[in-house]
Amino acid sequence: MVNLGILCVGNMLMRDEGVGPRMAEELRAHCEFPDTVEVLDRGVLGMALLSDIRRFDALLVVDAVDGTGHPPGTVVRFGPSDIAPYEALHGAHDARLIDVLQAAALLGPIPETHCLGVQVLDRSPPAFSIGLTPPVEAAIPLLLAAVLDFIRGHGGME
């Protein structure tokens, strides 16, 4: 049986950047999973994610993305190396997902990793602002369906 991690990342104080934590909230509120599926809300922890990543056989990262060329609210699927250009660094100590995965690979095998993102409208409000913009909030049901399809496809639920 596959040990599956759903790693939801982002900063809920920065409008659309909070799509990962919002998805973790949705999954916990509306879904029950077997012990082989774990939903993690990890904020923007960078290299602190190493211990989480190495625990799983398969990993789905859910995050906000920007610069995809798609309209705000579009759900997109990426591989870890494909998402790197669309990720925003939040500070001098941040690391992109690909950087964290490369560091994890130095320690041994890493999980099969996939990424789902939502094209943002506003990921950098001038002041802290909780809540997704309307087009990104409207994408939550589609993102939830995509996450559940991933889980089903990896044997995490029927």
N, C-alpha and C. Protein backbone atom coordinates (compact mmCIF):
# COMPACT_ATOMS: atom_id res chain seq x y z
N MET A 1 0.84 -1.18 0.00
CA MET A 1 0.00 0.00 0.00
C MET A 1 0.89 1.25 0.00
N VAL A 2 0.52 2.24 -0.79
CA VAL A 2 1.31 3.46 -0.94
C VAL A 2 1.03 4.43 0.21
N ASN A 3 2.08 4.94 0.78
CA ASN A 3 1.98 5.99 1.80
C ASN A 3 1.97 7.32 1.05
N LEU A 4 0.84 8.03 1.09
CA LEU A 4 0.61 9.19 0.25
C LEU A 4 0.52 10.47 1.09
N GLY A 5 1.27 11.50 0.69
CA GLY A 5 1.23 12.80 1.37
C GLY A 5 0.62 13.85 0.46
N ILE A 6 -0.28 14.65 1.03
CA ILE A 6 -0.84 15.81 0.34
C ILE A 6 -0.26 17.01 1.07
N LEU A 7 0.71 17.64 0.46
CA LEU A 7 1.46 18.74 1.09
C LEU A 7 0.91 20.07 0.59
N CYS A 8 0.17 20.74 1.45
CA CYS A 8 -0.46 22.02 1.11
C CYS A 8 0.41 23.14 1.67
N VAL A 9 0.91 23.99 0.78
CA VAL A 9 1.83 25.04 1.19
C VAL A 9 1.30 26.41 0.78
N GLY A 10 1.73 27.42 1.51
CA GLY A 10 1.34 28.79 1.18
C GLY A 10 1.14 29.61 2.44
N ASN A 11 0.94 30.90 2.23
CA ASN A 11 0.78 31.85 3.32
C ASN A 11 -0.63 32.43 3.28
N MET A 12 -1.47 32.02 4.22
CA MET A 12 -2.87 32.47 4.20
C MET A 12 -3.04 33.95 4.52
N LEU A 13 -1.98 34.63 4.94
CA LEU A 13 -2.05 36.06 5.21
C LEU A 13 -1.82 36.90 3.94
N MET A 14 -1.54 36.22 2.83
CA MET A 14 -1.18 36.92 1.59
C MET A 14 -2.16 36.61 0.45
N ARG A 15 -3.46 36.77 0.73
CA ARG A 15 -4.54 36.57 -0.25
C ARG A 15 -4.43 35.21 -0.95
N ASP A 16 -4.22 35.23 -2.26
CA ASP A 16 -4.25 33.99 -3.04
C ASP A 16 -3.09 33.06 -2.73
N GLU A 17 -2.05 33.55 -2.12
CA GLU A 17 -0.94 32.69 -1.71
C GLU A 17 -1.42 31.66 -0.69
N GLY A 18 -2.61 31.86 -0.13
CA GLY A 18 -3.16 30.94 0.86
C GLY A 18 -3.96 29.79 0.29
N VAL A 19 -3.86 29.53 -1.01
CA VAL A 19 -4.66 28.46 -1.62
C VAL A 19 -4.28 27.08 -1.06
N GLY A 20 -3.03 26.84 -0.75
CA GLY A 20 -2.63 25.55 -0.17
C GLY A 20 -3.27 25.32 1.19
N PRO A 21 -3.12 26.25 2.14
CA PRO A 21 -3.80 26.08 3.43
C PRO A 21 -5.32 25.97 3.29
N ARG A 22 -5.88 26.70 2.34
CA ARG A 22 -7.34 26.61 2.11
C ARG A 22 -7.73 25.22 1.66
N MET A 23 -6.90 24.59 0.81
CA MET A 23 -7.19 23.23 0.36
C MET A 23 -7.07 22.23 1.50
N ALA A 24 -6.08 22.41 2.36
CA ALA A 24 -5.94 21.53 3.53
C ALA A 24 -7.21 21.60 4.39
N GLU A 25 -7.72 22.81 4.57
CA GLU A 25 -8.94 23.03 5.34
C GLU A 25 -10.13 22.29 4.69
N GLU A 26 -10.26 22.40 3.38
CA GLU A 26 -11.34 21.71 2.66
C GLU A 26 -11.23 20.20 2.81
N LEU A 27 -10.04 19.68 2.61
CA LEU A 27 -9.84 18.23 2.70
C LEU A 27 -10.18 17.71 4.09
N ARG A 28 -9.76 18.41 5.11
CA ARG A 28 -10.02 17.97 6.49
C ARG A 28 -11.49 18.09 6.85
N ALA A 29 -12.16 19.11 6.32
CA ALA A 29 -13.57 19.33 6.66
C ALA A 29 -14.52 18.37 5.94
N HIS A 30 -14.15 17.92 4.73
CA HIS A 30 -15.10 17.19 3.91
C HIS A 30 -14.70 15.77 3.52
N CYS A 31 -13.53 15.33 3.93
CA CYS A 31 -13.05 14.02 3.48
C CYS A 31 -12.49 13.22 4.66
N GLU A 32 -12.67 11.92 4.56
CA GLU A 32 -12.03 11.01 5.49
C GLU A 32 -11.11 10.11 4.67
N PHE A 33 -9.88 9.96 5.16
CA PHE A 33 -8.91 9.17 4.44
C PHE A 33 -8.39 8.05 5.32
N PRO A 34 -7.91 6.97 4.69
CA PRO A 34 -7.27 5.91 5.48
C PRO A 34 -5.94 6.42 6.05
N ASP A 35 -5.37 5.63 6.93
CA ASP A 35 -4.10 6.01 7.57
C ASP A 35 -2.96 6.17 6.59
N THR A 36 -3.11 5.65 5.38
CA THR A 36 -2.05 5.74 4.38
C THR A 36 -2.02 7.09 3.66
N VAL A 37 -3.00 7.96 3.94
CA VAL A 37 -3.08 9.29 3.32
C VAL A 37 -2.98 10.33 4.42
N GLU A 38 -2.04 11.25 4.26
CA GLU A 38 -1.87 12.31 5.26
C GLU A 38 -1.91 13.67 4.57
N VAL A 39 -2.77 14.55 5.11
CA VAL A 39 -2.88 15.92 4.61
C VAL A 39 -2.08 16.81 5.55
N LEU A 40 -1.12 17.54 4.98
CA LEU A 40 -0.24 18.42 5.76
C LEU A 40 -0.40 19.86 5.32
N ASP A 41 -0.61 20.76 6.26
CA ASP A 41 -0.62 22.21 5.99
C ASP A 41 0.69 22.73 6.55
N ARG A 42 1.62 23.07 5.66
CA ARG A 42 2.96 23.41 6.10
C ARG A 42 3.38 24.85 5.83
N GLY A 43 2.48 25.73 5.50
CA GLY A 43 2.85 27.13 5.34
C GLY A 43 3.95 27.30 4.32
N VAL A 44 4.97 28.05 4.67
CA VAL A 44 6.10 28.32 3.77
C VAL A 44 7.41 27.92 4.45
N LEU A 45 7.52 26.65 4.83
CA LEU A 45 8.63 26.20 5.66
C LEU A 45 9.92 25.89 4.93
N GLY A 46 9.96 25.88 3.61
CA GLY A 46 11.20 25.65 2.88
C GLY A 46 11.87 24.34 3.25
N MET A 47 13.14 24.41 3.60
CA MET A 47 13.93 23.20 3.87
C MET A 47 13.41 22.41 5.08
N ALA A 48 12.59 23.02 5.90
CA ALA A 48 11.99 22.29 7.03
C ALA A 48 11.06 21.18 6.53
N LEU A 49 10.72 21.20 5.25
CA LEU A 49 9.85 20.17 4.67
C LEU A 49 10.58 18.86 4.41
N LEU A 50 11.89 18.85 4.52
CA LEU A 50 12.67 17.65 4.20
C LEU A 50 12.18 16.41 4.93
N SER A 51 11.94 16.50 6.22
CA SER A 51 11.51 15.31 6.97
C SER A 51 10.13 14.85 6.53
N ASP A 52 9.25 15.78 6.17
CA ASP A 52 7.93 15.39 5.67
C ASP A 52 8.05 14.66 4.33
N ILE A 53 8.78 15.24 3.42
CA ILE A 53 8.89 14.70 2.07
C ILE A 53 9.40 13.27 2.08
N ARG A 54 10.37 12.99 2.90
CA ARG A 54 11.02 11.68 2.88
C ARG A 54 10.15 10.58 3.49
N ARG A 55 9.04 10.91 4.12
CA ARG A 55 8.17 9.90 4.76
C ARG A 55 7.22 9.23 3.78
N PHE A 56 7.08 9.75 2.57
CA PHE A 56 6.03 9.28 1.67
C PHE A 56 6.58 8.54 0.45
N ASP A 57 5.72 7.66 -0.10
CA ASP A 57 6.03 6.99 -1.36
C ASP A 57 5.62 7.88 -2.54
N ALA A 58 4.53 8.62 -2.36
CA ALA A 58 4.03 9.54 -3.38
C ALA A 58 3.61 10.83 -2.67
N LEU A 59 3.81 11.94 -3.35
CA LEU A 59 3.56 13.25 -2.75
C LEU A 59 2.86 14.14 -3.76
N LEU A 60 1.81 14.83 -3.31
CA LEU A 60 1.14 15.84 -4.11
C LEU A 60 1.31 17.17 -3.40
N VAL A 61 1.91 18.13 -4.07
CA VAL A 61 2.09 19.47 -3.52
C VAL A 61 1.00 20.36 -4.09
N VAL A 62 0.29 21.07 -3.21
CA VAL A 62 -0.78 21.99 -3.62
C VAL A 62 -0.34 23.39 -3.23
N ASP A 63 -0.29 24.30 -4.23
CA ASP A 63 0.26 25.63 -3.97
C ASP A 63 -0.36 26.63 -4.95
N ALA A 64 -0.17 27.89 -4.65
CA ALA A 64 -0.51 28.98 -5.56
C ALA A 64 0.62 29.10 -6.58
N VAL A 65 0.27 29.44 -7.80
CA VAL A 65 1.28 29.68 -8.83
C VAL A 65 0.97 30.99 -9.54
N ASP A 66 1.99 31.58 -10.14
CA ASP A 66 1.83 32.83 -10.86
C ASP A 66 2.67 32.78 -12.12
N GLY A 67 2.28 33.57 -13.10
CA GLY A 67 3.07 33.66 -14.32
C GLY A 67 2.86 32.50 -15.27
N THR A 68 1.75 31.77 -15.13
CA THR A 68 1.52 30.62 -16.01
C THR A 68 0.99 31.01 -17.37
N GLY A 69 0.47 32.25 -17.49
CA GLY A 69 -0.16 32.67 -18.72
C GLY A 69 -1.64 32.33 -18.77
N HIS A 70 -2.14 31.64 -17.75
CA HIS A 70 -3.56 31.29 -17.67
C HIS A 70 -4.31 32.33 -16.85
N PRO A 71 -5.62 32.42 -17.05
CA PRO A 71 -6.40 33.37 -16.25
C PRO A 71 -6.40 32.99 -14.77
N PRO A 72 -6.57 33.98 -13.87
CA PRO A 72 -6.66 33.68 -12.44
C PRO A 72 -7.77 32.66 -12.17
N GLY A 73 -7.46 31.72 -11.28
CA GLY A 73 -8.41 30.68 -10.94
C GLY A 73 -8.23 29.40 -11.75
N THR A 74 -7.32 29.39 -12.69
CA THR A 74 -7.07 28.18 -13.49
C THR A 74 -6.27 27.18 -12.67
N VAL A 75 -6.76 25.94 -12.62
CA VAL A 75 -6.05 24.87 -11.93
C VAL A 75 -5.07 24.26 -12.92
N VAL A 76 -3.81 24.16 -12.51
CA VAL A 76 -2.77 23.64 -13.39
C VAL A 76 -2.02 22.50 -12.69
N ARG A 77 -1.56 21.56 -13.50
CA ARG A 77 -0.78 20.43 -12.98
C ARG A 77 0.64 20.56 -13.51
N PHE A 78 1.61 20.36 -12.63
CA PHE A 78 3.02 20.49 -12.98
C PHE A 78 3.82 19.35 -12.37
N GLY A 79 4.98 19.12 -12.94
CA GLY A 79 5.99 18.34 -12.27
C GLY A 79 6.81 19.29 -11.41
N PRO A 80 7.55 18.79 -10.44
CA PRO A 80 8.32 19.67 -9.55
C PRO A 80 9.27 20.61 -10.27
N SER A 81 9.94 20.14 -11.32
CA SER A 81 10.87 21.03 -12.01
C SER A 81 10.13 22.04 -12.88
N ASP A 82 8.91 21.70 -13.31
CA ASP A 82 8.11 22.62 -14.12
C ASP A 82 7.55 23.77 -13.30
N ILE A 83 7.27 23.53 -12.01
CA ILE A 83 6.65 24.56 -11.18
C ILE A 83 7.66 25.62 -10.72
N ALA A 84 8.93 25.31 -10.73
CA ALA A 84 9.96 26.22 -10.19
C ALA A 84 9.86 27.65 -10.72
N PRO A 85 9.68 27.87 -12.02
CA PRO A 85 9.62 29.26 -12.49
C PRO A 85 8.39 30.03 -12.00
N TYR A 86 7.35 29.32 -11.55
CA TYR A 86 6.11 29.97 -11.16
C TYR A 86 6.00 30.20 -9.65
N GLU A 87 6.95 29.66 -8.89
CA GLU A 87 6.90 29.81 -7.44
C GLU A 87 7.45 31.17 -7.03
N ALA A 88 6.88 31.70 -5.98
CA ALA A 88 7.38 32.97 -5.42
C ALA A 88 8.19 32.66 -4.18
N LEU A 89 9.35 33.26 -4.07
CA LEU A 89 10.13 33.14 -2.85
C LEU A 89 9.63 34.21 -1.89
N HIS A 90 9.49 33.84 -0.63
CA HIS A 90 8.88 34.74 0.35
C HIS A 90 9.90 35.49 1.19
N GLY A 91 11.15 35.14 1.06
CA GLY A 91 12.18 35.80 1.84
C GLY A 91 13.53 35.21 1.52
N ALA A 92 14.56 35.75 2.12
CA ALA A 92 15.92 35.34 1.82
C ALA A 92 16.21 33.89 2.20
N HIS A 93 15.44 33.33 3.11
CA HIS A 93 15.70 31.96 3.58
C HIS A 93 14.79 30.93 2.92
N ASP A 94 13.94 31.34 2.00
CA ASP A 94 13.03 30.43 1.34
C ASP A 94 13.75 29.56 0.32
N ALA A 95 13.13 28.44 0.04
CA ALA A 95 13.64 27.54 -1.00
C ALA A 95 12.45 27.11 -1.86
N ARG A 96 12.70 26.95 -3.15
CA ARG A 96 11.66 26.44 -4.04
C ARG A 96 11.50 24.95 -3.80
N LEU A 97 10.35 24.42 -4.21
CA LEU A 97 10.08 23.00 -4.05
C LEU A 97 11.20 22.17 -4.70
N ILE A 98 11.62 22.54 -5.88
CA ILE A 98 12.66 21.77 -6.55
C ILE A 98 13.96 21.76 -5.74
N ASP A 99 14.27 22.86 -5.06
CA ASP A 99 15.46 22.92 -4.22
C ASP A 99 15.33 21.95 -3.04
N VAL A 100 14.14 21.91 -2.44
CA VAL A 100 13.91 21.02 -1.31
C VAL A 100 13.99 19.56 -1.76
N LEU A 101 13.40 19.25 -2.92
CA LEU A 101 13.45 17.88 -3.43
C LEU A 101 14.88 17.46 -3.78
N GLN A 102 15.65 18.37 -4.34
CA GLN A 102 17.05 18.05 -4.65
C GLN A 102 17.85 17.81 -3.38
N ALA A 103 17.58 18.58 -2.35
CA ALA A 103 18.25 18.36 -1.06
C ALA A 103 17.83 17.02 -0.47
N ALA A 104 16.54 16.69 -0.57
CA ALA A 104 16.06 15.40 -0.05
C ALA A 104 16.71 14.24 -0.80
N ALA A 105 16.90 14.40 -2.11
CA ALA A 105 17.52 13.34 -2.91
C ALA A 105 18.95 13.06 -2.49
N LEU A 106 19.63 14.05 -1.93
CA LEU A 106 20.98 13.83 -1.43
C LEU A 106 20.99 12.89 -0.23
N LEU A 107 19.84 12.81 0.45
CA LEU A 107 19.73 11.96 1.64
C LEU A 107 19.22 10.56 1.31
N GLY A 108 18.78 10.34 0.09
CA GLY A 108 18.25 9.04 -0.30
C GLY A 108 17.08 9.20 -1.24
N PRO A 109 16.35 8.10 -1.47
CA PRO A 109 15.23 8.15 -2.42
C PRO A 109 14.17 9.17 -2.00
N ILE A 110 13.55 9.81 -3.00
CA ILE A 110 12.47 10.74 -2.73
C ILE A 110 11.19 10.19 -3.34
N PRO A 111 10.04 10.66 -2.86
CA PRO A 111 8.78 10.14 -3.38
C PRO A 111 8.50 10.61 -4.80
N GLU A 112 7.68 9.84 -5.48
CA GLU A 112 7.11 10.28 -6.75
C GLU A 112 6.35 11.57 -6.41
N THR A 113 6.67 12.66 -7.07
CA THR A 113 6.10 13.97 -6.68
C THR A 113 5.35 14.61 -7.83
N HIS A 114 4.17 15.12 -7.51
CA HIS A 114 3.31 15.82 -8.46
C HIS A 114 2.89 17.14 -7.83
N CYS A 115 2.48 18.10 -8.64
CA CYS A 115 2.08 19.42 -8.14
C CYS A 115 0.77 19.85 -8.79
N LEU A 116 -0.10 20.41 -7.97
CA LEU A 116 -1.30 21.08 -8.46
C LEU A 116 -1.24 22.51 -7.97
N GLY A 117 -1.53 23.44 -8.85
CA GLY A 117 -1.53 24.84 -8.45
C GLY A 117 -2.72 25.57 -9.01
N VAL A 118 -2.97 26.74 -8.46
CA VAL A 118 -4.02 27.61 -8.96
C VAL A 118 -3.35 28.93 -9.33
N GLN A 119 -3.59 29.38 -10.57
CA GLN A 119 -3.08 30.68 -11.00
C GLN A 119 -3.74 31.76 -10.14
N VAL A 120 -2.91 32.60 -9.54
CA VAL A 120 -3.39 33.62 -8.61
C VAL A 120 -3.81 34.88 -9.35
N LEU A 121 -4.60 35.69 -8.66
CA LEU A 121 -4.89 37.05 -9.09
C LEU A 121 -4.07 38.01 -8.25
N ASP A 122 -4.00 37.75 -6.91
CA ASP A 122 -3.30 38.65 -6.00
C ASP A 122 -2.56 37.83 -4.95
N ARG A 123 -1.25 37.69 -5.12
CA ARG A 123 -0.46 36.96 -4.13
C ARG A 123 0.38 37.90 -3.29
N SER A 124 0.32 39.19 -3.56
CA SER A 124 1.15 40.16 -2.83
C SER A 124 0.35 41.41 -2.45
N PRO A 125 -0.64 41.27 -1.57
CA PRO A 125 -1.39 42.45 -1.17
C PRO A 125 -0.48 43.42 -0.41
N PRO A 126 -0.79 44.73 -0.43
CA PRO A 126 0.06 45.70 0.26
C PRO A 126 0.06 45.52 1.78
N ALA A 127 -0.97 44.90 2.30
CA ALA A 127 -1.05 44.60 3.74
C ALA A 127 -1.55 43.17 3.89
N PHE A 128 -1.31 42.57 5.06
CA PHE A 128 -1.82 41.22 5.28
C PHE A 128 -3.31 41.19 4.99
N SER A 129 -3.74 40.17 4.29
CA SER A 129 -5.13 40.07 3.88
C SER A 129 -5.50 38.59 3.77
N ILE A 130 -6.39 38.15 4.64
CA ILE A 130 -6.83 36.75 4.64
C ILE A 130 -8.02 36.59 3.71
N GLY A 131 -8.01 35.55 2.93
CA GLY A 131 -9.12 35.24 2.04
C GLY A 131 -8.67 35.29 0.60
N LEU A 132 -9.16 34.34 -0.17
CA LEU A 132 -8.80 34.25 -1.58
C LEU A 132 -9.63 35.23 -2.40
N THR A 133 -9.08 35.67 -3.52
CA THR A 133 -9.84 36.51 -4.43
C THR A 133 -10.96 35.67 -5.06
N PRO A 134 -12.02 36.30 -5.57
CA PRO A 134 -13.15 35.52 -6.12
C PRO A 134 -12.77 34.48 -7.18
N PRO A 135 -11.90 34.77 -8.16
CA PRO A 135 -11.61 33.71 -9.15
C PRO A 135 -10.86 32.52 -8.54
N VAL A 136 -10.01 32.78 -7.56
CA VAL A 136 -9.27 31.67 -6.94
C VAL A 136 -10.19 30.89 -6.00
N GLU A 137 -11.04 31.57 -5.26
CA GLU A 137 -12.02 30.88 -4.41
C GLU A 137 -12.94 30.02 -5.27
N ALA A 138 -13.34 30.53 -6.43
CA ALA A 138 -14.22 29.76 -7.32
C ALA A 138 -13.54 28.50 -7.86
N ALA A 139 -12.22 28.46 -7.84
CA ALA A 139 -11.48 27.29 -8.33
C ALA A 139 -11.36 26.19 -7.28
N ILE A 140 -11.71 26.47 -6.04
CA ILE A 140 -11.52 25.49 -4.96
C ILE A 140 -12.24 24.17 -5.24
N PRO A 141 -13.51 24.15 -5.70
CA PRO A 141 -14.13 22.85 -6.00
C PRO A 141 -13.40 22.05 -7.07
N LEU A 142 -12.91 22.71 -8.11
CA LEU A 142 -12.16 22.01 -9.16
C LEU A 142 -10.83 21.50 -8.61
N LEU A 143 -10.16 22.31 -7.81
CA LEU A 143 -8.91 21.88 -7.19
C LEU A 143 -9.15 20.69 -6.27
N LEU A 144 -10.21 20.74 -5.48
CA LEU A 144 -10.55 19.63 -4.60
C LEU A 144 -10.78 18.35 -5.42
N ALA A 145 -11.53 18.47 -6.51
CA ALA A 145 -11.77 17.30 -7.37
C ALA A 145 -10.46 16.75 -7.93
N ALA A 146 -9.54 17.62 -8.32
CA ALA A 146 -8.24 17.18 -8.85
C ALA A 146 -7.42 16.48 -7.79
N VAL A 147 -7.45 17.01 -6.56
CA VAL A 147 -6.71 16.38 -5.46
C VAL A 147 -7.30 15.00 -5.17
N LEU A 148 -8.63 14.90 -5.11
CA LEU A 148 -9.27 13.61 -4.85
C LEU A 148 -9.01 12.62 -5.98
N ASP A 149 -8.97 13.07 -7.22
CA ASP A 149 -8.62 12.19 -8.34
C ASP A 149 -7.20 11.65 -8.17
N PHE A 150 -6.29 12.52 -7.76
CA PHE A 150 -4.90 12.09 -7.52
C PHE A 150 -4.87 11.02 -6.43
N ILE A 151 -5.57 11.26 -5.34
CA ILE A 151 -5.59 10.31 -4.22
C ILE A 151 -6.17 8.97 -4.68
N ARG A 152 -7.29 9.02 -5.40
CA ARG A 152 -7.89 7.78 -5.92
C ARG A 152 -6.93 7.06 -6.86
N GLY A 153 -6.27 7.82 -7.74
CA GLY A 153 -5.35 7.23 -8.70
C GLY A 153 -4.13 6.58 -8.06
N HIS A 154 -3.85 6.96 -6.83
CA HIS A 154 -2.72 6.37 -6.10
C HIS A 154 -3.19 5.40 -5.01
N GLY A 155 -4.44 4.95 -5.12
CA GLY A 155 -4.96 3.93 -4.22
C GLY A 155 -5.28 4.43 -2.82
N GLY A 156 -5.41 5.74 -2.65
CA GLY A 156 -5.65 6.30 -1.31
C GLY A 156 -7.10 6.31 -0.89
N MET A 157 -8.02 6.05 -1.82
CA MET A 157 -9.44 5.97 -1.50
C MET A 157 -10.18 5.39 -2.69
N GLU A 158 -11.39 4.94 -2.43
CA GLU A 158 -12.20 4.36 -3.52
C GLU A 158 -13.09 5.41 -4.13
